[in-house]
């Protein structure tokens, strides 16, 4: 069931990008965990700016490609604790973020945009 409109997904992208950049600093991450999250947030912000949806600046990247990148990033976040040995809060953070990203991709409807109020 796909119920998240493309433009809502776009707004979530920018909020998620800020969160991915800020949260590792707030949570006291360092090293690989900090770099991966902040780097993923910066990348998400940049490719959101050029995705073909209503919240972008330049419509270059097809939304389907954007969703594929999101899904691959989500899977990478799920794999990161196992690949890099994250424990505790870092492990939980990456697992939750990865599952949420993959779930958002699966429920995003590329064919609809929410009506503006």
PDB file of N, CA and C in Angstrom:
ATOM      1  N   UNK A   1       0.846  -1.176   0.000  1.00  0.00           N
ATOM      2  CA  UNK A   1       0.000   0.000   0.000  1.00  0.00           C
ATOM      3  C   UNK A   1       0.894   1.243   0.000  1.00  0.00           C
ATOM      4  N   UNK A   2       0.719   2.058  -1.020  1.00  0.00           N
ATOM      5  CA  UNK A   2       1.509   3.282  -1.150  1.00  0.00           C
ATOM      6  C   UNK A   2       0.616   4.480  -0.847  1.00  0.00           C
ATOM      7  N   UNK A   3       0.966   5.224   0.196  1.00  0.00           N
ATOM      8  CA  UNK A   3       0.099   6.312   0.632  1.00  0.00           C
ATOM      9  C   UNK A   3       0.833   7.622   0.904  1.00  0.00           C
ATOM     10  N   UNK A   4       2.146   7.644   0.765  1.00  0.00           N
ATOM     11  CA  UNK A   4       2.902   8.878   0.977  1.00  0.00           C
ATOM     12  C   UNK A   4       3.091   9.556  -0.373  1.00  0.00           C
ATOM     13  N   UNK A   5       2.498  10.738  -0.563  1.00  0.00           N
ATOM     14  CA  UNK A   5       2.650  11.459  -1.831  1.00  0.00           C
ATOM     15  C   UNK A   5       4.098  11.904  -2.061  1.00  0.00           C
ATOM     16  N   UNK A   6       4.456  12.068  -3.309  1.00  0.00           N
ATOM     17  CA  UNK A   6       5.826  12.444  -3.673  1.00  0.00           C
ATOM     18  C   UNK A   6       6.268  13.739  -3.004  1.00  0.00           C
ATOM     19  N   UNK A   7       5.398  14.741  -2.966  1.00  0.00           N
ATOM     20  CA  UNK A   7       5.826  16.009  -2.365  1.00  0.00           C
ATOM     21  C   UNK A   7       6.003  15.887  -0.857  1.00  0.00           C
ATOM     22  N   UNK A   8       5.239  15.021  -0.207  1.00  0.00           N
ATOM     23  CA  UNK A   8       5.427  14.775   1.226  1.00  0.00           C
ATOM     24  C   UNK A   8       6.756  14.050   1.431  1.00  0.00           C
ATOM     25  N   UNK A   9       7.049  13.102   0.570  1.00  0.00           N
ATOM     26  CA  UNK A   9       8.345  12.419   0.627  1.00  0.00           C
ATOM     27  C   UNK A   9       9.471  13.453   0.510  1.00  0.00           C
ATOM     28  N   UNK A  10       9.300  14.425  -0.374  1.00  0.00           N
ATOM     29  CA  UNK A  10      10.311  15.468  -0.548  1.00  0.00           C
ATOM     30  C   UNK A  10      10.556  16.267   0.713  1.00  0.00           C
ATOM     31  N   UNK A  11       9.492  16.638   1.399  1.00  0.00           N
ATOM     32  CA  UNK A  11       9.632  17.381   2.662  1.00  0.00           C
ATOM     33  C   UNK A  11      10.347  16.509   3.695  1.00  0.00           C
ATOM     34  N   UNK A  12       9.962  15.237   3.763  1.00  0.00           N
ATOM     35  CA  UNK A  12      10.614  14.305   4.694  1.00  0.00           C
ATOM     36  C   UNK A  12      12.096  14.186   4.368  1.00  0.00           C
ATOM     37  N   UNK A  13      12.444  14.186   3.079  1.00  0.00           N
ATOM     38  CA  UNK A  13      13.852  14.090   2.682  1.00  0.00           C
ATOM     39  C   UNK A  13      14.688  15.202   3.293  1.00  0.00           C
ATOM     40  N   UNK A  14      14.213  16.432   3.189  1.00  0.00           N
ATOM     41  CA  UNK A  14      14.999  17.551   3.717  1.00  0.00           C
ATOM     42  C   UNK A  14      15.094  17.493   5.240  1.00  0.00           C
ATOM     43  N   UNK A  15      14.008  17.131   5.908  1.00  0.00           N
ATOM     44  CA  UNK A  15      14.038  16.983   7.367  1.00  0.00           C
ATOM     45  C   UNK A  15      14.987  15.853   7.765  1.00  0.00           C
ATOM     46  N   UNK A  16      14.937  14.751   7.033  1.00  0.00           N
ATOM     47  CA  UNK A  16      15.820  13.620   7.317  1.00  0.00           C
ATOM     48  C   UNK A  16      17.280  14.000   7.091  1.00  0.00           C
ATOM     49  N   UNK A  17      17.550  14.765   6.048  1.00  0.00           N
ATOM     50  CA  UNK A  17      18.927  15.185   5.771  1.00  0.00           C
ATOM     51  C   UNK A  17      19.480  15.994   6.944  1.00  0.00           C
ATOM     52  N   UNK A  18      18.692  16.920   7.445  1.00  0.00           N
ATOM     53  CA  UNK A  18      19.116  17.726   8.597  1.00  0.00           C
ATOM     54  C   UNK A  18      19.336  16.821   9.808  1.00  0.00           C
ATOM     55  N   UNK A  19      18.411  15.888  10.019  1.00  0.00           N
ATOM     56  CA  UNK A  19      18.543  14.960  11.142  1.00  0.00           C
ATOM     57  C   UNK A  19      19.778  14.083  11.032  1.00  0.00           C
ATOM     58  N   UNK A  20      20.038  13.567   9.841  1.00  0.00           N
ATOM     59  CA  UNK A  20      21.208  12.713   9.642  1.00  0.00           C
ATOM     60  C   UNK A  20      22.517  13.461   9.872  1.00  0.00           C
ATOM     61  N   UNK A  21      22.501  14.752   9.597  1.00  0.00           N
ATOM     62  CA  UNK A  21      23.697  15.562   9.828  1.00  0.00           C
ATOM     63  C   UNK A  21      23.811  15.948  11.301  1.00  0.00           C
ATOM     64  N   UNK A  22      22.712  16.375  11.909  1.00  0.00           N
ATOM     65  CA  UNK A  22      22.758  16.907  13.277  1.00  0.00           C
ATOM     66  C   UNK A  22      22.769  15.834  14.370  1.00  0.00           C
ATOM     67  N   UNK A  23      21.966  14.795  14.204  1.00  0.00           N
ATOM     68  CA  UNK A  23      21.806  13.810  15.282  1.00  0.00           C
ATOM     69  C   UNK A  23      23.104  13.135  15.732  1.00  0.00           C
ATOM     70  N   UNK A  24      24.001  12.756  14.843  1.00  0.00           N
ATOM     71  CA  UNK A  24      25.220  12.115  15.351  1.00  0.00           C
ATOM     72  C   UNK A  24      26.054  13.048  16.237  1.00  0.00           C
ATOM     73  N   UNK A  25      26.008  14.345  15.975  1.00  0.00           N
ATOM     74  CA  UNK A  25      26.702  15.297  16.840  1.00  0.00           C
ATOM     75  C   UNK A  25      25.994  15.391  18.188  1.00  0.00           C
ATOM     76  N   UNK A  26      24.671  15.498  18.143  1.00  0.00           N
ATOM     77  CA  UNK A  26      23.875  15.599  19.365  1.00  0.00           C
ATOM     78  C   UNK A  26      24.037  14.345  20.227  1.00  0.00           C
ATOM     79  N   UNK A  27      24.094  13.181  19.574  1.00  0.00           N
ATOM     80  CA  UNK A  27      24.187  11.912  20.298  1.00  0.00           C
ATOM     81  C   UNK A  27      25.621  11.540  20.676  1.00  0.00           C
ATOM     82  N   UNK A  28      26.577  12.355  20.269  1.00  0.00           N
ATOM     83  CA  UNK A  28      27.966  12.130  20.657  1.00  0.00           C
ATOM     84  C   UNK A  28      28.692  11.066  19.861  1.00  0.00           C
ATOM     85  N   UNK A  29      28.245  10.800  18.640  1.00  0.00           N
ATOM     86  CA  UNK A  29      28.931   9.818  17.800  1.00  0.00           C
ATOM     87  C   UNK A  29      30.281  10.384  17.367  1.00  0.00           C
ATOM     88  N   UNK A  30      31.175   9.485  17.011  1.00  0.00           N
ATOM     89  CA  UNK A  30      32.476   9.903  16.485  1.00  0.00           C
ATOM     90  C   UNK A  30      32.915   8.896  15.429  1.00  0.00           C
ATOM     91  N   UNK A  31      33.989   9.189  14.772  1.00  0.00           N
ATOM     92  CA  UNK A  31      34.572   8.271  13.812  1.00  0.00           C
ATOM     93  C   UNK A  31      33.645   7.911  12.665  1.00  0.00           C
ATOM     94  N   UNK A  32      33.627   6.629  12.340  1.00  0.00           N
ATOM     95  CA  UNK A  32      32.884   6.133  11.178  1.00  0.00           C
ATOM     96  C   UNK A  32      31.391   6.422  11.312  1.00  0.00           C
ATOM     97  N   UNK A  33      30.831   6.243  12.493  1.00  0.00           N
ATOM     98  CA  UNK A  33      29.387   6.455  12.676  1.00  0.00           C
ATOM     99  C   UNK A  33      29.014   7.904  12.378  1.00  0.00           C
ATOM    100  N   UNK A  34      29.803   8.838  12.855  1.00  0.00           N
ATOM    101  CA  UNK A  34      29.559  10.261  12.592  1.00  0.00           C
ATOM    102  C   UNK A  34      29.709  10.555  11.107  1.00  0.00           C
ATOM    103  N   UNK A  35      30.780  10.078  10.511  1.00  0.00           N
ATOM    104  CA  UNK A  35      31.040  10.323   9.093  1.00  0.00           C
ATOM    105  C   UNK A  35      29.939   9.740   8.205  1.00  0.00           C
ATOM    106  N   UNK A  36      29.531   8.499   8.475  1.00  0.00           N
ATOM    107  CA  UNK A  36      28.506   7.856   7.649  1.00  0.00           C
ATOM    108  C   UNK A  36      27.170   8.591   7.711  1.00  0.00           C
ATOM    109  N   UNK A  37      26.752   8.944   8.909  1.00  0.00           N
ATOM    110  CA  UNK A  37      25.458   9.599   9.045  1.00  0.00           C
ATOM    111  C   UNK A  37      25.483  11.004   8.447  1.00  0.00           C
ATOM    112  N   UNK A  38      26.474  11.791   8.817  1.00  0.00           N
ATOM    113  CA  UNK A  38      26.550  13.162   8.302  1.00  0.00           C
ATOM    114  C   UNK A  38      26.767  13.164   6.786  1.00  0.00           C
ATOM    115  N   UNK A  39      27.583  12.254   6.294  1.00  0.00           N
ATOM    116  CA  UNK A  39      27.804  12.148   4.854  1.00  0.00           C
ATOM    117  C   UNK A  39      26.545  11.744   4.112  1.00  0.00           C
ATOM    118  N   UNK A  40      25.809  10.792   4.682  1.00  0.00           N
ATOM    119  CA  UNK A  40      24.541  10.371   4.070  1.00  0.00           C
ATOM    120  C   UNK A  40      23.542  11.520   4.082  1.00  0.00           C
ATOM    121  N   UNK A  41      23.521  12.296   5.154  1.00  0.00           N
ATOM    122  CA  UNK A  41      22.618  13.451   5.224  1.00  0.00           C
ATOM    123  C   UNK A  41      22.956  14.500   4.179  1.00  0.00           C
ATOM    124  N   UNK A  42      24.232  14.779   4.020  1.00  0.00           N
ATOM    125  CA  UNK A  42      24.657  15.758   3.013  1.00  0.00           C
ATOM    126  C   UNK A  42      24.316  15.258   1.605  1.00  0.00           C
ATOM    127  N   UNK A  43      24.573  13.970   1.351  1.00  0.00           N
ATOM    128  CA  UNK A  43      24.246  13.401   0.043  1.00  0.00           C
ATOM    129  C   UNK A  43      22.742  13.448  -0.212  1.00  0.00           C
ATOM    130  N   UNK A  44      21.947  13.081   0.799  1.00  0.00           N
ATOM    131  CA  UNK A  44      20.488  13.124   0.657  1.00  0.00           C
ATOM    132  C   UNK A  44      20.022  14.535   0.324  1.00  0.00           C
ATOM    133  N   UNK A  45      20.561  15.520   1.014  1.00  0.00           N
ATOM    134  CA  UNK A  45      20.179  16.904   0.746  1.00  0.00           C
ATOM    135  C   UNK A  45      20.504  17.270  -0.705  1.00  0.00           C
ATOM    136  N   UNK A  46      21.696  16.907  -1.151  1.00  0.00           N
ATOM    137  CA  UNK A  46      22.111  17.271  -2.507  1.00  0.00           C
ATOM    138  C   UNK A  46      21.292  16.567  -3.582  1.00  0.00           C
ATOM    139  N   UNK A  47      21.065  15.256  -3.447  1.00  0.00           N
ATOM    140  CA  UNK A  47      20.311  14.591  -4.505  1.00  0.00           C
ATOM    141  C   UNK A  47      18.827  14.904  -4.422  1.00  0.00           C
ATOM    142  N   UNK A  48      18.352  15.365  -3.276  1.00  0.00           N
ATOM    143  CA  UNK A  48      16.965  15.836  -3.186  1.00  0.00           C
ATOM    144  C   UNK A  48      16.788  17.142  -3.950  1.00  0.00           C
ATOM    145  N   UNK A  49      17.810  17.973  -3.928  1.00  0.00           N
ATOM    146  CA  UNK A  49      17.746  19.249  -4.647  1.00  0.00           C
ATOM    147  C   UNK A  49      17.580  19.066  -6.147  1.00  0.00           C
ATOM    148  N   UNK A  50      18.030  17.921  -6.674  1.00  0.00           N
ATOM    149  CA  UNK A  50      17.989  17.707  -8.124  1.00  0.00           C
ATOM    150  C   UNK A  50      17.034  16.583  -8.539  1.00  0.00           C
ATOM    151  N   UNK A  51      16.195  16.133  -7.619  1.00  0.00           N
ATOM    152  CA  UNK A  51      15.224  15.074  -7.933  1.00  0.00           C
ATOM    153  C   UNK A  51      14.010  15.670  -8.629  1.00  0.00           C
ATOM    154  N   UNK A  52      13.429  14.921  -9.527  1.00  0.00           N
ATOM    155  CA  UNK A  52      12.241  15.360 -10.254  1.00  0.00           C
ATOM    156  C   UNK A  52      10.997  15.204  -9.380  1.00  0.00           C
ATOM    157  N   UNK A  53      10.864  16.105  -8.397  1.00  0.00           N
ATOM    158  CA  UNK A  53       9.644  16.232  -7.609  1.00  0.00           C
ATOM    159  C   UNK A  53       9.470  17.684  -7.209  1.00  0.00           C
ATOM    160  N   UNK A  54       8.329  18.007  -6.657  1.00  0.00           N
ATOM    161  CA  UNK A  54       7.963  19.424  -6.474  1.00  0.00           C
ATOM    162  C   UNK A  54       8.823  20.167  -5.465  1.00  0.00           C
ATOM    163  N   UNK A  55       9.547  19.491  -4.601  1.00  0.00           N
ATOM    164  CA  UNK A  55      10.329  20.184  -3.582  1.00  0.00           C
ATOM    165  C   UNK A  55      11.793  20.384  -3.979  1.00  0.00           C
ATOM    166  N   UNK A  56      12.122  20.132  -5.246  1.00  0.00           N
ATOM    167  CA  UNK A  56      13.511  20.277  -5.679  1.00  0.00           C
ATOM    168  C   UNK A  56      13.757  21.634  -6.324  1.00  0.00           C
ATOM    169  N   UNK A  57      15.011  21.913  -6.542  1.00  0.00           N
ATOM    170  CA  UNK A  57      15.416  23.150  -7.207  1.00  0.00           C
ATOM    171  C   UNK A  57      15.579  22.919  -8.702  1.00  0.00           C
ATOM    172  N   UNK A  58      16.119  21.771  -9.051  1.00  0.00           N
ATOM    173  CA  UNK A  58      16.378  21.406 -10.439  1.00  0.00           C
ATOM    174  C   UNK A  58      15.917  19.964 -10.636  1.00  0.00           C
ATOM    175  N   UNK A  59      15.117  19.715 -11.635  1.00  0.00           N
ATOM    176  CA  UNK A  59      14.551  18.379 -11.854  1.00  0.00           C
ATOM    177  C   UNK A  59      15.414  17.598 -12.844  1.00  0.00           C
ATOM    178  N   UNK A  60      16.456  16.954 -12.328  1.00  0.00           N
ATOM    179  CA  UNK A  60      17.399  16.215 -13.149  1.00  0.00           C
ATOM    180  C   UNK A  60      17.292  14.706 -12.892  1.00  0.00           C
ATOM    181  N   UNK A  61      17.246  14.317 -11.639  1.00  0.00           N
ATOM    182  CA  UNK A  61      17.241  12.906 -11.241  1.00  0.00           C
ATOM    183  C   UNK A  61      15.811  12.378 -11.208  1.00  0.00           C
ATOM    184  N   UNK A  62      15.519  11.322 -11.961  1.00  0.00           N
ATOM    185  CA  UNK A  62      14.162  10.760 -11.897  1.00  0.00           C
ATOM    186  C   UNK A  62      13.828  10.319 -10.475  1.00  0.00           C
ATOM    187  N   UNK A  63      12.563  10.501 -10.092  1.00  0.00           N
ATOM    188  CA  UNK A  63      12.141  10.143  -8.742  1.00  0.00           C
ATOM    189  C   UNK A  63      12.372   8.658  -8.478  1.00  0.00           C
ATOM    190  N   UNK A  64      12.207   7.827  -9.484  1.00  0.00           N
ATOM    191  CA  UNK A  64      12.443   6.389  -9.309  1.00  0.00           C
ATOM    192  C   UNK A  64      13.905   6.119  -8.947  1.00  0.00           C
ATOM    193  N   UNK A  65      14.829   6.858  -9.544  1.00  0.00           N
ATOM    194  CA  UNK A  65      16.249   6.711  -9.211  1.00  0.00           C
ATOM    195  C   UNK A  65      16.511   7.207  -7.795  1.00  0.00           C
ATOM    196  N   UNK A  66      15.863   8.297  -7.419  1.00  0.00           N
ATOM    197  CA  UNK A  66      15.971   8.816  -6.058  1.00  0.00           C
ATOM    198  C   UNK A  66      15.547   7.751  -5.049  1.00  0.00           C
ATOM    199  N   UNK A  67      14.416   7.099  -5.322  1.00  0.00           N
ATOM    200  CA  UNK A  67      13.919   6.069  -4.409  1.00  0.00           C
ATOM    201  C   UNK A  67      14.874   4.876  -4.347  1.00  0.00           C
ATOM    202  N   UNK A  68      15.490   4.534  -5.455  1.00  0.00           N
ATOM    203  CA  UNK A  68      16.462   3.449  -5.460  1.00  0.00           C
ATOM    204  C   UNK A  68      17.666   3.812  -4.586  1.00  0.00           C
ATOM    205  N   UNK A  69      18.150   5.033  -4.718  1.00  0.00           N
ATOM    206  CA  UNK A  69      19.265   5.497  -3.881  1.00  0.00           C
ATOM    207  C   UNK A  69      18.848   5.447  -2.412  1.00  0.00           C
ATOM    208  N   UNK A  70      17.640   5.941  -2.102  1.00  0.00           N
ATOM    209  CA  UNK A  70      17.135   5.885  -0.726  1.00  0.00           C
ATOM    210  C   UNK A  70      17.151   4.456  -0.201  1.00  0.00           C
ATOM    211  N   UNK A  71      16.637   3.520  -1.004  1.00  0.00           N
ATOM    212  CA  UNK A  71      16.534   2.131  -0.545  1.00  0.00           C
ATOM    213  C   UNK A  71      17.918   1.528  -0.312  1.00  0.00           C
ATOM    214  N   UNK A  72      18.839   1.772  -1.233  1.00  0.00           N
ATOM    215  CA  UNK A  72      20.208   1.264  -1.075  1.00  0.00           C
ATOM    216  C   UNK A  72      20.844   1.871   0.181  1.00  0.00           C
ATOM    217  N   UNK A  73      20.615   3.152   0.418  1.00  0.00           N
ATOM    218  CA  UNK A  73      21.138   3.796   1.622  1.00  0.00           C
ATOM    219  C   UNK A  73      20.534   3.169   2.873  1.00  0.00           C
ATOM    220  N   UNK A  74      19.233   2.879   2.835  1.00  0.00           N
ATOM    221  CA  UNK A  74      18.584   2.240   3.972  1.00  0.00           C
ATOM    222  C   UNK A  74      19.189   0.881   4.274  1.00  0.00           C
ATOM    223  N   UNK A  75      19.406   0.091   3.238  1.00  0.00           N
ATOM    224  CA  UNK A  75      20.034  -1.228   3.412  1.00  0.00           C
ATOM    225  C   UNK A  75      21.459  -1.066   3.952  1.00  0.00           C
ATOM    226  N   UNK A  76      22.184  -0.066   3.448  1.00  0.00           N
ATOM    227  CA  UNK A  76      23.544   0.187   3.936  1.00  0.00           C
ATOM    228  C   UNK A  76      23.531   0.566   5.414  1.00  0.00           C
ATOM    229  N   UNK A  77      22.532   1.345   5.823  1.00  0.00           N
ATOM    230  CA  UNK A  77      22.423   1.717   7.237  1.00  0.00           C
ATOM    231  C   UNK A  77      22.131   0.486   8.094  1.00  0.00           C
ATOM    232  N   UNK A  78      21.316  -0.418   7.595  1.00  0.00           N
ATOM    233  CA  UNK A  78      21.031  -1.651   8.332  1.00  0.00           C
ATOM    234  C   UNK A  78      22.292  -2.509   8.433  1.00  0.00           C
ATOM    235  N   UNK A  79      23.091  -2.532   7.381  1.00  0.00           N
ATOM    236  CA  UNK A  79      24.311  -3.339   7.367  1.00  0.00           C
ATOM    237  C   UNK A  79      25.454  -2.714   8.172  1.00  0.00           C
ATOM    238  N   UNK A  80      25.455  -1.393   8.305  1.00  0.00           N
ATOM    239  CA  UNK A  80      26.579  -0.679   8.921  1.00  0.00           C
ATOM    240  C   UNK A  80      26.969  -1.190  10.307  1.00  0.00           C
ATOM    241  N   UNK A  81      26.028  -1.434  11.222  1.00  0.00           N
ATOM    242  CA  UNK A  81      26.453  -1.913  12.546  1.00  0.00           C
ATOM    243  C   UNK A  81      27.200  -3.244  12.490  1.00  0.00           C
ATOM    244  N   UNK A  82      26.844  -4.084  11.537  1.00  0.00           N
ATOM    245  CA  UNK A  82      27.488  -5.383  11.405  1.00  0.00           C
ATOM    246  C   UNK A  82      28.846  -5.260  10.714  1.00  0.00           C
ATOM    247  N   UNK A  83      28.928  -4.337   9.758  1.00  0.00           N
ATOM    248  CA  UNK A  83      30.180  -4.139   9.029  1.00  0.00           C
ATOM    249  C   UNK A  83      31.224  -3.387   9.846  1.00  0.00           C
ATOM    250  N   UNK A  84      30.769  -2.441  10.669  1.00  0.00           N
ATOM    251  CA  UNK A  84      31.697  -1.575  11.396  1.00  0.00           C
ATOM    252  C   UNK A  84      31.723  -1.827  12.898  1.00  0.00           C
ATOM    253  N   UNK A  85      30.949  -2.798  13.362  1.00  0.00           N
ATOM    254  CA  UNK A  85      30.980  -3.152  14.778  1.00  0.00           C
ATOM    255  C   UNK A  85      30.337  -2.136  15.709  1.00  0.00           C
ATOM    256  N   UNK A  86      29.387  -1.356  15.193  1.00  0.00           N
ATOM    257  CA  UNK A  86      28.714  -0.387  16.065  1.00  0.00           C
ATOM    258  C   UNK A  86      27.987  -1.124  17.176  1.00  0.00           C
ATOM    259  N   UNK A  87      28.008  -0.538  18.351  1.00  0.00           N
ATOM    260  CA  UNK A  87      27.329  -1.100  19.512  1.00  0.00           C
ATOM    261  C   UNK A  87      26.434  -0.034  20.140  1.00  0.00           C
ATOM    262  N   UNK A  88      25.573  -0.448  21.033  1.00  0.00           N
ATOM    263  CA  UNK A  88      24.767   0.477  21.815  1.00  0.00           C
ATOM    264  C   UNK A  88      23.912   1.399  20.969  1.00  0.00           C
ATOM    265  N   UNK A  89      23.981   2.687  21.304  1.00  0.00           N
ATOM    266  CA  UNK A  89      23.148   3.695  20.656  1.00  0.00           C
ATOM    267  C   UNK A  89      23.447   3.818  19.161  1.00  0.00           C
ATOM    268  N   UNK A  90      24.710   3.730  18.793  1.00  0.00           N
ATOM    269  CA  UNK A  90      25.052   3.817  17.368  1.00  0.00           C
ATOM    270  C   UNK A  90      24.404   2.681  16.590  1.00  0.00           C
ATOM    271  N   UNK A  91      24.464   1.468  17.136  1.00  0.00           N
ATOM    272  CA  UNK A  91      23.857   0.307  16.480  1.00  0.00           C
ATOM    273  C   UNK A  91      22.360   0.509  16.320  1.00  0.00           C
ATOM    274  N   UNK A  92      21.694   0.906  17.384  1.00  0.00           N
ATOM    275  CA  UNK A  92      20.249   1.131  17.361  1.00  0.00           C
ATOM    276  C   UNK A  92      19.875   2.231  16.381  1.00  0.00           C
ATOM    277  N   UNK A  93      20.616   3.321  16.393  1.00  0.00           N
ATOM    278  CA  UNK A  93      20.380   4.453  15.498  1.00  0.00           C
ATOM    279  C   UNK A  93      20.422   4.013  14.032  1.00  0.00           C
ATOM    280  N   UNK A  94      21.489   3.311  13.648  1.00  0.00           N
ATOM    281  CA  UNK A  94      21.629   2.908  12.250  1.00  0.00           C
ATOM    282  C   UNK A  94      20.561   1.893  11.852  1.00  0.00           C
ATOM    283  N   UNK A  95      20.242   0.963  12.723  1.00  0.00           N
ATOM    284  CA  UNK A  95      19.203  -0.013  12.402  1.00  0.00           C
ATOM    285  C   UNK A  95      17.841   0.659  12.235  1.00  0.00           C
ATOM    286  N   UNK A  96      17.487   1.541  13.156  1.00  0.00           N
ATOM    287  CA  UNK A  96      16.189   2.232  13.073  1.00  0.00           C
ATOM    288  C   UNK A  96      16.130   3.115  11.835  1.00  0.00           C
ATOM    289  N   UNK A  97      17.166   3.896  11.599  1.00  0.00           N
ATOM    290  CA  UNK A  97      17.170   4.779  10.434  1.00  0.00           C
ATOM    291  C   UNK A  97      17.062   3.969   9.142  1.00  0.00           C
ATOM    292  N   UNK A  98      17.781   2.878   9.053  1.00  0.00           N
ATOM    293  CA  UNK A  98      17.736   2.052   7.859  1.00  0.00           C
ATOM    294  C   UNK A  98      16.367   1.459   7.606  1.00  0.00           C
ATOM    295  N   UNK A  99      15.738   0.942   8.655  1.00  0.00           N
ATOM    296  CA  UNK A  99      14.400   0.358   8.508  1.00  0.00           C
ATOM    297  C   UNK A  99      13.391   1.427   8.123  1.00  0.00           C
ATOM    298  N   UNK A 100      13.472   2.596   8.747  1.00  0.00           N
ATOM    299  CA  UNK A 100      12.528   3.679   8.443  1.00  0.00           C
ATOM    300  C   UNK A 100      12.685   4.141   6.999  1.00  0.00           C
ATOM    301  N   UNK A 101      13.914   4.277   6.534  1.00  0.00           N
ATOM    302  CA  UNK A 101      14.142   4.708   5.147  1.00  0.00           C
ATOM    303  C   UNK A 101      13.580   3.683   4.166  1.00  0.00           C
ATOM    304  N   UNK A 102      13.871   2.416   4.388  1.00  0.00           N
ATOM    305  CA  UNK A 102      13.351   1.368   3.494  1.00  0.00           C
ATOM    306  C   UNK A 102      11.826   1.347   3.510  1.00  0.00           C
ATOM    307  N   UNK A 103      11.243   1.498   4.683  1.00  0.00           N
ATOM    308  CA  UNK A 103       9.779   1.513   4.793  1.00  0.00           C
ATOM    309  C   UNK A 103       9.190   2.704   4.050  1.00  0.00           C
ATOM    310  N   UNK A 104       9.817   3.886   4.193  1.00  0.00           N
ATOM    311  CA  UNK A 104       9.315   5.071   3.500  1.00  0.00           C
ATOM    312  C   UNK A 104       9.339   4.873   1.988  1.00  0.00           C
ATOM    313  N   UNK A 105      10.393   4.283   1.481  1.00  0.00           N
ATOM    314  CA  UNK A 105      10.470   4.014   0.038  1.00  0.00           C
ATOM    315  C   UNK A 105       9.309   3.119  -0.378  1.00  0.00           C
ATOM    316  N   UNK A 106       9.041   2.098   0.392  1.00  0.00           N
ATOM    317  CA  UNK A 106       7.998   1.125   0.035  1.00  0.00           C
ATOM    318  C   UNK A 106       6.589   1.696   0.085  1.00  0.00           C
ATOM    319  N   UNK A 107       6.373   2.771   0.865  1.00  0.00           N
ATOM    320  CA  UNK A 107       5.024   3.348   0.972  1.00  0.00           C
ATOM    321  C   UNK A 107       4.873   4.664   0.218  1.00  0.00           C
ATOM    322  N   UNK A 108       5.904   5.073  -0.535  1.00  0.00           N
ATOM    323  CA  UNK A 108       5.831   6.310  -1.307  1.00  0.00           C
ATOM    324  C   UNK A 108       5.179   6.048  -2.655  1.00  0.00           C
ATOM    325  N   UNK A 109       4.190   6.851  -2.974  1.00  0.00           N
ATOM    326  CA  UNK A 109       3.488   6.761  -4.250  1.00  0.00           C
ATOM    327  C   UNK A 109       4.057   7.813  -5.190  1.00  0.00           C
ATOM    328  N   UNK A 110       4.746   7.368  -6.214  1.00  0.00           N
ATOM    329  CA  UNK A 110       5.380   8.296  -7.155  1.00  0.00           C
ATOM    330  C   UNK A 110       4.387   8.971  -8.083  1.00  0.00           C
ATOM    331  N   UNK A 111       3.171   8.464  -8.117  1.00  0.00           N
ATOM    332  CA  UNK A 111       2.179   8.982  -9.067  1.00  0.00           C
ATOM    333  C   UNK A 111       1.323  10.100  -8.498  1.00  0.00           C
ATOM    334  N   UNK A 112       1.375  10.333  -7.186  1.00  0.00           N
ATOM    335  CA  UNK A 112       0.492  11.351  -6.613  1.00  0.00           C
ATOM    336  C   UNK A 112       1.271  12.401  -5.856  1.00  0.00           C
ATOM    337  N   UNK A 113       0.681  13.569  -5.783  1.00  0.00           N
ATOM    338  CA  UNK A 113       1.186  14.657  -4.960  1.00  0.00           C
ATOM    339  C   UNK A 113       0.030  15.093  -4.077  1.00  0.00           C
ATOM    340  N   UNK A 114       0.292  15.392  -2.833  1.00  0.00           N
ATOM    341  CA  UNK A 114      -0.754  15.857  -1.931  1.00  0.00           C
ATOM    342  C   UNK A 114      -1.223  17.229  -2.396  1.00  0.00           C
ATOM    343  N   UNK A 115      -2.503  17.476  -2.246  1.00  0.00           N
ATOM    344  CA  UNK A 115      -3.038  18.787  -2.627  1.00  0.00           C
ATOM    345  C   UNK A 115      -2.569  19.827  -1.643  1.00  0.00           C
ATOM    346  N   UNK A 116      -2.215  20.983  -2.174  1.00  0.00           N
ATOM    347  CA  UNK A 116      -1.780  22.075  -1.310  1.00  0.00           C
ATOM    348  C   UNK A 116      -2.981  22.725  -0.675  1.00  0.00           C
ATOM    349  N   UNK A 117      -2.809  23.133   0.573  1.00  0.00           N
ATOM    350  CA  UNK A 117      -3.928  23.753   1.306  1.00  0.00           C
ATOM    351  C   UNK A 117      -4.183  25.167   0.858  1.00  0.00           C
TER     352      UNK A 117
END
